[in-house]
Protein backbone atom coordinates (compact mmCIF):
# COMPACT_ATOMS: atom_id res chain seq x y z
CA MET A 1 -15.87 -12.50 -20.74
CA SER A 2 -15.54 -15.92 -19.11
CA ALA A 3 -16.19 -16.45 -15.41
CA ALA A 4 -12.49 -17.16 -14.94
CA GLU A 5 -11.61 -13.85 -16.55
CA ARG A 6 -14.07 -11.76 -14.52
CA ALA A 7 -12.40 -8.84 -12.77
CA PHE A 8 -13.28 -8.51 -9.11
CA ARG A 9 -14.32 -5.12 -7.78
CA HIS A 10 -12.70 -5.32 -4.35
CA VAL A 11 -10.15 -8.15 -4.57
CA TYR A 12 -7.09 -7.64 -6.77
CA GLY A 13 -3.79 -9.33 -7.54
CA PRO A 14 -1.99 -11.09 -6.03
CA VAL A 15 0.70 -8.44 -6.34
CA PRO A 16 4.43 -8.97 -5.74
CA SER A 17 5.10 -7.07 -2.51
CA ARG A 18 8.50 -5.92 -1.32
CA ARG A 19 7.71 -7.18 2.18
CA LEU A 20 4.83 -9.66 1.94
CA GLY A 21 5.73 -11.87 -1.00
CA ARG A 22 2.67 -12.67 -3.13
CA SER A 23 0.01 -10.49 -1.57
CA LEU A 24 -3.71 -10.70 -2.40
CA GLY A 25 -5.14 -7.20 -2.07
CA VAL A 26 -8.54 -6.32 -0.64
CA ASP A 27 -9.73 -2.77 -1.28
CA LEU A 28 -12.17 -1.38 1.32
CA ALA A 29 -12.45 2.29 0.36
CA PRO A 30 -13.22 4.14 -2.88
CA PHE A 31 -10.33 5.41 -4.96
CA LYS A 32 -8.27 8.03 -3.07
CA THR A 33 -10.58 8.24 -0.06
CA CYS A 34 -8.15 8.88 2.76
CA ALA A 35 -7.44 10.90 5.90
CA TYR A 36 -4.12 11.98 4.37
CA ASP A 37 -3.05 13.56 1.08
CA CYS A 38 0.59 12.42 1.09
CA VAL A 39 2.93 14.15 -1.33
CA TYR A 40 4.53 10.82 -2.30
CA CYS A 41 1.36 8.76 -2.86
CA GLN A 42 1.65 6.53 -5.92
CA LEU A 43 -2.08 7.00 -6.68
CA GLY A 44 -1.99 10.79 -6.97
CA ARG A 45 -3.72 13.43 -4.87
CA THR A 46 -6.50 12.53 -2.46
CA THR A 47 -9.92 13.33 -3.89
CA VAL A 48 -11.99 12.64 -0.74
CA LYS A 49 -10.07 13.64 2.39
CA THR A 50 -12.01 12.47 5.43
CA ALA A 51 -11.78 10.81 8.85
CA GLU A 52 -15.40 9.60 8.71
CA ARG A 53 -15.76 5.84 9.19
CA LYS A 54 -18.62 4.13 7.39
CA GLU A 55 -19.38 1.11 5.18
CA TYR A 56 -17.81 2.47 2.01
CA VAL A 57 -18.25 -0.85 0.18
CA PRO A 58 -20.67 -3.64 1.14
CA VAL A 59 -19.11 -6.14 3.54
CA GLU A 60 -20.85 -9.12 1.96
CA GLU A 61 -19.61 -8.17 -1.53
CA VAL A 62 -16.03 -8.16 -0.25
CA LEU A 63 -16.43 -11.51 1.52
CA SER A 64 -18.19 -13.08 -1.46
CA GLU A 65 -15.31 -12.14 -3.75
CA LEU A 66 -12.79 -13.53 -1.28
CA ARG A 67 -14.68 -16.83 -1.04
CA GLU A 68 -14.70 -17.06 -4.83
CA TRP A 69 -10.97 -16.32 -5.08
CA LEU A 70 -10.10 -18.87 -2.39
CA ARG A 71 -12.37 -21.45 -4.04
CA ARG A 72 -10.16 -21.34 -7.12
CA GLY A 73 -7.27 -22.72 -5.07
CA GLU A 74 -4.69 -20.12 -6.10
CA ALA A 75 -1.80 -19.35 -3.74
CA CYS A 76 -0.80 -16.20 -1.89
CA ASP A 77 1.42 -15.43 1.10
CA TYR A 78 -0.81 -12.78 2.70
CA ILE A 79 -4.29 -11.36 2.33
CA SER A 80 -3.66 -7.65 2.60
CA LEU A 81 -6.30 -5.04 3.38
CA ALA A 82 -4.93 -2.08 1.46
CA GLY A 83 -5.62 -0.72 -2.01
CA SER A 84 -6.72 2.65 -3.36
CA GLY A 85 -8.07 4.15 -0.10
CA GLU A 86 -7.41 3.98 3.67
CA PRO A 87 -8.78 0.61 4.92
CA THR A 88 -9.37 1.70 8.53
CA LEU A 89 -12.02 4.14 7.29
CA HIS A 90 -14.31 1.16 6.66
CA SER A 91 -16.66 0.66 9.62
CA GLY A 92 -16.90 -3.09 8.88
CA LEU A 93 -13.15 -3.66 9.07
CA GLY A 94 -13.35 -5.86 12.17
CA THR A 95 -16.12 -8.01 10.69
CA ILE A 96 -14.08 -8.50 7.52
CA VAL A 97 -10.88 -9.43 9.37
CA ARG A 98 -12.71 -11.96 11.55
CA ALA A 99 -14.48 -13.48 8.53
CA ILE A 100 -11.22 -13.89 6.62
CA LYS A 101 -9.65 -15.63 9.61
CA GLY A 102 -12.58 -18.05 9.53
CA MET A 103 -12.14 -18.75 5.80
CA THR A 104 -8.43 -19.48 5.50
CA LYS A 105 -5.14 -19.99 7.28
CA VAL A 106 -3.47 -17.38 5.05
CA PRO A 107 -2.28 -14.58 7.38
CA VAL A 108 -4.07 -11.22 7.28
CA ALA A 109 -2.09 -8.00 6.99
CA VAL A 110 -3.49 -4.47 7.21
CA LEU A 111 -1.54 -1.72 5.46
CA THR A 112 -2.60 1.59 6.96
CA ASN A 113 -1.30 5.13 7.22
CA GLY A 114 -1.98 4.86 10.96
CA SER A 115 -4.02 8.05 11.03
CA LEU A 116 -7.01 6.55 12.88
CA LEU A 117 -5.24 4.28 15.36
CA PHE A 118 -6.07 6.70 18.17
CA MET A 119 -9.69 5.51 17.87
CA GLY A 120 -10.59 2.63 20.18
CA GLU A 121 -13.01 1.22 17.60
CA VAL A 122 -10.23 1.03 15.01
CA GLN A 123 -7.90 -0.70 17.43
CA ASP A 124 -10.65 -3.18 18.29
CA ALA A 125 -11.23 -3.90 14.58
CA LEU A 126 -7.57 -4.79 14.05
CA MET A 127 -7.09 -7.11 17.00
CA GLU A 128 -7.50 -10.37 15.05
CA ALA A 129 -5.16 -9.41 12.20
CA ASP A 130 -1.77 -11.10 12.07
CA LEU A 131 0.25 -8.10 10.94
CA VAL A 132 -0.36 -4.35 10.87
CA ILE A 133 1.93 -2.02 8.91
CA PRO A 134 1.27 1.63 9.81
CA SER A 135 3.35 4.63 8.79
CA LEU A 136 5.34 7.39 10.41
CA ASP A 137 6.82 9.79 7.88
CA ALA A 138 7.83 12.79 10.03
CA GLY A 139 9.29 13.53 13.43
CA ASP A 140 7.47 16.78 14.15
CA ALA A 141 4.16 18.51 13.52
CA HIS A 142 5.51 20.84 10.84
CA LEU A 143 6.80 18.09 8.57
CA PHE A 144 3.78 15.91 9.31
CA GLN A 145 1.62 18.65 7.80
CA TRP A 146 4.03 19.08 4.87
CA VAL A 147 4.46 15.40 3.96
CA ASN A 148 1.12 13.82 4.92
CA ARG A 149 -1.28 16.78 4.61
CA PRO A 150 -3.81 15.24 7.05
CA VAL A 151 -7.48 16.03 7.51
CA GLU A 152 -7.91 18.82 10.06
CA GLU A 153 -9.02 16.71 13.04
CA ILE A 154 -5.87 14.54 13.01
CA SER A 155 -3.01 16.25 14.82
CA PHE A 156 0.57 15.01 14.94
CA ASP A 157 0.37 14.27 18.68
CA ARG A 158 -2.90 12.37 18.31
CA MET A 159 -1.46 10.30 15.47
CA VAL A 160 1.71 9.39 17.42
CA GLU A 161 -0.28 8.55 20.55
CA GLY A 162 -2.46 6.26 18.45
CA LEU A 163 0.56 4.42 17.06
CA GLU A 164 1.99 3.99 20.55
CA SER A 165 -1.20 2.80 22.27
CA PHE A 166 -2.11 0.40 19.46
CA THR A 167 1.36 -1.16 19.30
CA LYS A 168 1.39 -1.78 23.03
CA ARG A 169 -2.06 -3.41 22.87
CA PHE A 170 -1.80 -5.46 19.66
CA ARG A 171 -0.99 -9.17 20.04
CA GLY A 172 0.31 -9.59 16.48
CA GLU A 173 3.30 -7.84 14.93
CA VAL A 174 3.57 -4.16 14.03
CA TRP A 175 6.04 -3.23 11.32
CA LEU A 176 6.38 0.55 11.25
CA GLU A 177 7.02 1.99 7.81
CA VAL A 178 9.17 5.13 7.75
CA LEU A 179 9.25 6.75 4.31
CA LEU A 180 11.94 9.39 3.83
CA LEU A 181 12.12 12.01 1.08
CA GLU A 182 15.22 13.62 -0.37
CA GLY A 183 15.66 17.22 0.76
CA VAL A 184 12.90 16.91 3.38
CA THR A 185 13.29 14.13 5.94
CA ALA A 186 16.43 12.32 4.70
CA TYR A 187 18.75 14.21 7.07
CA PRO A 188 20.27 12.87 10.31
CA THR A 189 18.54 15.57 12.37
CA GLN A 190 15.11 14.66 10.99
CA ALA A 191 15.74 10.90 11.07
CA GLU A 192 16.78 11.16 14.73
CA LYS A 193 13.46 12.83 15.56
CA ILE A 194 11.59 9.97 13.94
CA ALA A 195 13.87 7.42 15.63
CA ALA A 196 13.05 8.88 19.04
CA LEU A 197 9.36 8.30 18.34
CA VAL A 198 10.10 4.76 17.15
CA ARG A 199 11.67 4.02 20.55
CA ARG A 200 8.50 5.27 22.19
CA ILE A 201 6.16 3.30 19.90
CA GLY A 202 8.12 0.03 20.08
CA PRO A 203 7.30 -1.79 16.82
CA ALA A 204 8.65 -5.27 16.06
CA ARG A 205 10.63 -3.77 13.21
CA VAL A 206 11.11 -0.59 11.20
CA GLN A 207 10.83 -0.65 7.43
CA LEU A 208 12.85 2.26 6.08
CA THR A 209 11.85 3.15 2.56
CA THR A 210 11.43 5.97 0.06
CA ALA A 211 9.31 6.89 -2.95
CA SER A 212 9.76 4.08 -5.49
CA ARG A 213 6.80 4.67 -7.80
CA PRO A 214 5.62 7.85 -9.54
CA PRO A 215 4.51 10.22 -6.72
CA ALA A 216 1.55 12.56 -6.38
CA GLU A 217 3.88 15.57 -6.38
CA LEU A 218 6.97 15.83 -8.57
CA PHE A 219 8.92 17.44 -5.72
CA ALA A 220 8.61 14.25 -3.64
CA ARG A 221 12.02 12.84 -4.52
CA ARG A 222 13.36 9.40 -3.71
CA VAL A 223 16.37 8.85 -1.46
CA SER A 224 19.32 6.80 -2.68
CA GLU A 225 19.82 3.34 -1.21
CA GLY A 226 23.20 4.44 0.16
CA ARG A 227 21.62 7.31 2.08
CA LEU A 228 18.91 5.05 3.49
CA LEU A 229 21.51 2.52 4.63
CA ALA A 230 23.46 5.28 6.38
CA LEU A 231 20.37 6.64 8.14
CA ALA A 232 19.22 3.16 9.18
CA SER A 233 21.87 3.08 11.92
CA LEU A 234 20.00 5.87 13.74
CA PHE A 235 16.93 3.67 14.30
CA PRO A 236 16.51 1.18 17.15
CA GLY A 237 15.87 -2.54 16.84
CA ARG A 238 15.46 -4.41 13.58
CA VAL A 239 15.51 -2.13 10.55
CA ASP A 240 14.72 -3.37 7.04
CA VAL A 241 15.94 -1.02 4.32
CA ILE A 242 13.56 -1.22 1.38
CA ALA A 243 14.95 1.06 -1.28
CA THR A 244 14.80 -0.64 -4.63
CA ARG A 245 13.31 -4.01 -5.31
CA GLU A 246 15.04 -6.54 -7.51
CA GLU A 247 12.75 -7.64 -10.29
CA PRO A 248 11.21 -10.95 -9.14
CA ASP A 249 11.57 -14.13 -11.10
CA ALA A 250 9.03 -13.94 -13.88
CA SER A 251 9.70 -17.37 -15.35
CA VAL A 252 6.23 -18.58 -14.52
CA GLY A 253 3.80 -20.53 -16.63
CA SER A 254 0.86 -18.87 -18.25
CA SER A 255 -2.33 -18.83 -16.22
CA PRO A 256 -5.25 -19.04 -18.66
CA GLY A 257 -8.13 -16.64 -18.24
CA THR A 258 -6.12 -13.80 -16.70
CA GLY A 259 -6.31 -10.96 -19.19
CA ALA A 260 -7.03 -7.24 -19.50
CA PRO A 261 -9.78 -7.04 -16.81
CA ALA A 262 -7.56 -8.50 -14.08
CA ILE A 263 -4.59 -6.37 -15.16
CA LEU A 264 -6.66 -3.19 -15.11
CA THR A 265 -8.03 -4.07 -11.67
CA LEU A 266 -4.43 -4.38 -10.46
CA LEU A 267 -3.21 -1.16 -12.13
CA GLU A 268 -6.10 0.82 -10.64
CA ARG A 269 -4.61 0.12 -7.19
CA ARG A 270 -0.90 0.65 -7.92
CA PRO A 271 1.48 1.41 -10.78
CA CYS A 272 3.23 -1.79 -11.86
CA THR A 273 6.06 -2.88 -14.12
CA ALA A 274 5.38 -5.62 -16.64
CA THR A 275 7.22 -8.04 -14.36
CA ASP A 276 5.04 -7.00 -11.41
CA VAL A 277 1.97 -7.88 -13.46
CA ALA A 278 3.39 -11.22 -14.64
CA VAL A 279 4.51 -12.37 -11.19
CA GLY A 280 1.47 -11.05 -9.34
CA LEU A 281 -1.10 -12.62 -11.65
CA GLY A 282 0.88 -15.76 -12.46
CA ILE A 283 1.06 -15.24 -16.22
CA HIS A 284 3.96 -15.47 -18.63
CA PRO A 285 5.94 -12.20 -19.03
CA ASN A 286 5.34 -12.20 -22.79
CA GLU A 287 1.58 -12.50 -22.20
CA ALA A 288 1.68 -9.61 -19.72
CA LEU A 289 3.57 -7.40 -22.19
CA LYS A 290 1.19 -8.31 -25.01
CA VAL A 291 -1.87 -7.28 -22.99
CA LEU A 292 -0.18 -4.15 -21.61
CA ASP A 293 0.90 -3.02 -25.09
CA ARG A 294 -2.67 -3.50 -26.31
CA LEU A 295 -3.97 -1.37 -23.42
CA VAL A 296 -1.41 1.36 -24.17
CA VAL A 297 -2.41 1.47 -27.85
CA ALA A 298 -6.06 1.74 -26.77
CA GLY A 299 -5.20 4.71 -24.53
CA THR A 300 -6.47 2.92 -21.42
CA VAL A 301 -3.01 2.64 -19.89
CA LYS A 302 0.07 4.88 -20.01
CA THR A 303 3.71 4.35 -19.15
CA VAL A 304 5.82 6.50 -16.85
CA ALA A 305 9.49 6.15 -15.86
CA SER A 306 10.46 6.23 -12.19
CA ALA A 307 13.58 4.99 -10.39
CA ASP A 308 14.98 3.72 -13.71
CA ARG A 309 11.97 1.45 -14.28
CA THR A 310 8.95 1.67 -16.57
CA PHE A 311 5.60 1.58 -14.80
CA TYR A 312 2.16 1.08 -16.32
CA ILE A 313 -0.66 3.26 -14.94
CA VAL A 314 -4.35 3.66 -15.69
CA ALA A 315 -4.50 6.72 -17.92
CA GLU A 316 -7.31 8.69 -16.30
CA ARG A 317 -6.18 8.05 -12.71
CA GLY A 318 -2.46 7.62 -12.61
CA VAL A 319 -1.22 11.06 -13.70
CA PRO A 320 0.29 13.14 -10.87
CA ALA A 321 -0.67 16.82 -10.95
CA GLY A 322 1.83 18.76 -13.03
CA SER A 323 3.28 15.63 -14.71
CA PRO A 324 3.26 15.27 -18.48
CA GLU A 325 2.72 11.52 -18.03
CA GLY A 326 1.67 10.78 -14.86
CA GLY A 327 0.33 6.27 -3.50
CA ARG A 328 1.16 4.55 -0.28
CA GLN A 329 4.42 3.12 -1.63
CA ARG A 330 4.50 -0.64 -1.19
């Protein structure tokens, strides 16, 4: 494998993001290490459910990979701390954010479930980020337990108080993601409960969305775009409805040296369509399909249909429990 083709362990993509354009991902926690076990998670069920903060991956390894990626001179719109686990669980989060800000002018986004924002040390760690996107998926304690299945020490009230106190303190922008599920929270009565909390929290905008990739649980059903648009009127301030994403323009030139290792690194963090892979990694769509087909034949990757699209998933990790094929939705 050439140096150009080497797959990073902690840096992946860039991936085409519905809200951040071409987003370079940085993964700070092991696969499915999280304080939640959300029913809609595109990565399947949580395997290590914890609220313990520690250095899950070495800080210097992460920063070294970022320096190498930036040295290559490739372009991205955001550097996003996200991935296959909850980034705020990493005790070195603040050090990493500050170091990235010293390396590049590319803005830093943190995609978090918001579970640990009640902790002062987590708030401190996020202060130099440009954008934080936390989540609020339920308007009461009962549905919080049903949808997010949090670790025991995180109560609904503590979570909401954390969102509120962090948003009031943070100097950057907070975009609050509200993910609704058909037959659960996609009703006016439930949406109004969440909207009341949004007024209290005061984010710069709300991003109203639904399950768009294969979920952890088959009963976590997506909401139609029409229903989301109707419910959006219940929320205050700016509301972005993110239901289905148009396939991005994949008429890009081939980027030599981006093959199976880089594609697998990307698929380990999120299910992707062939177009997602092509646009995210800057390779020709035909090249992406050729490598993906080879991985499917080898049994390394599987396909699964969701929302009328075909997604590629890593075979041993991407199968939701109870699915014959089979995370945070982004």
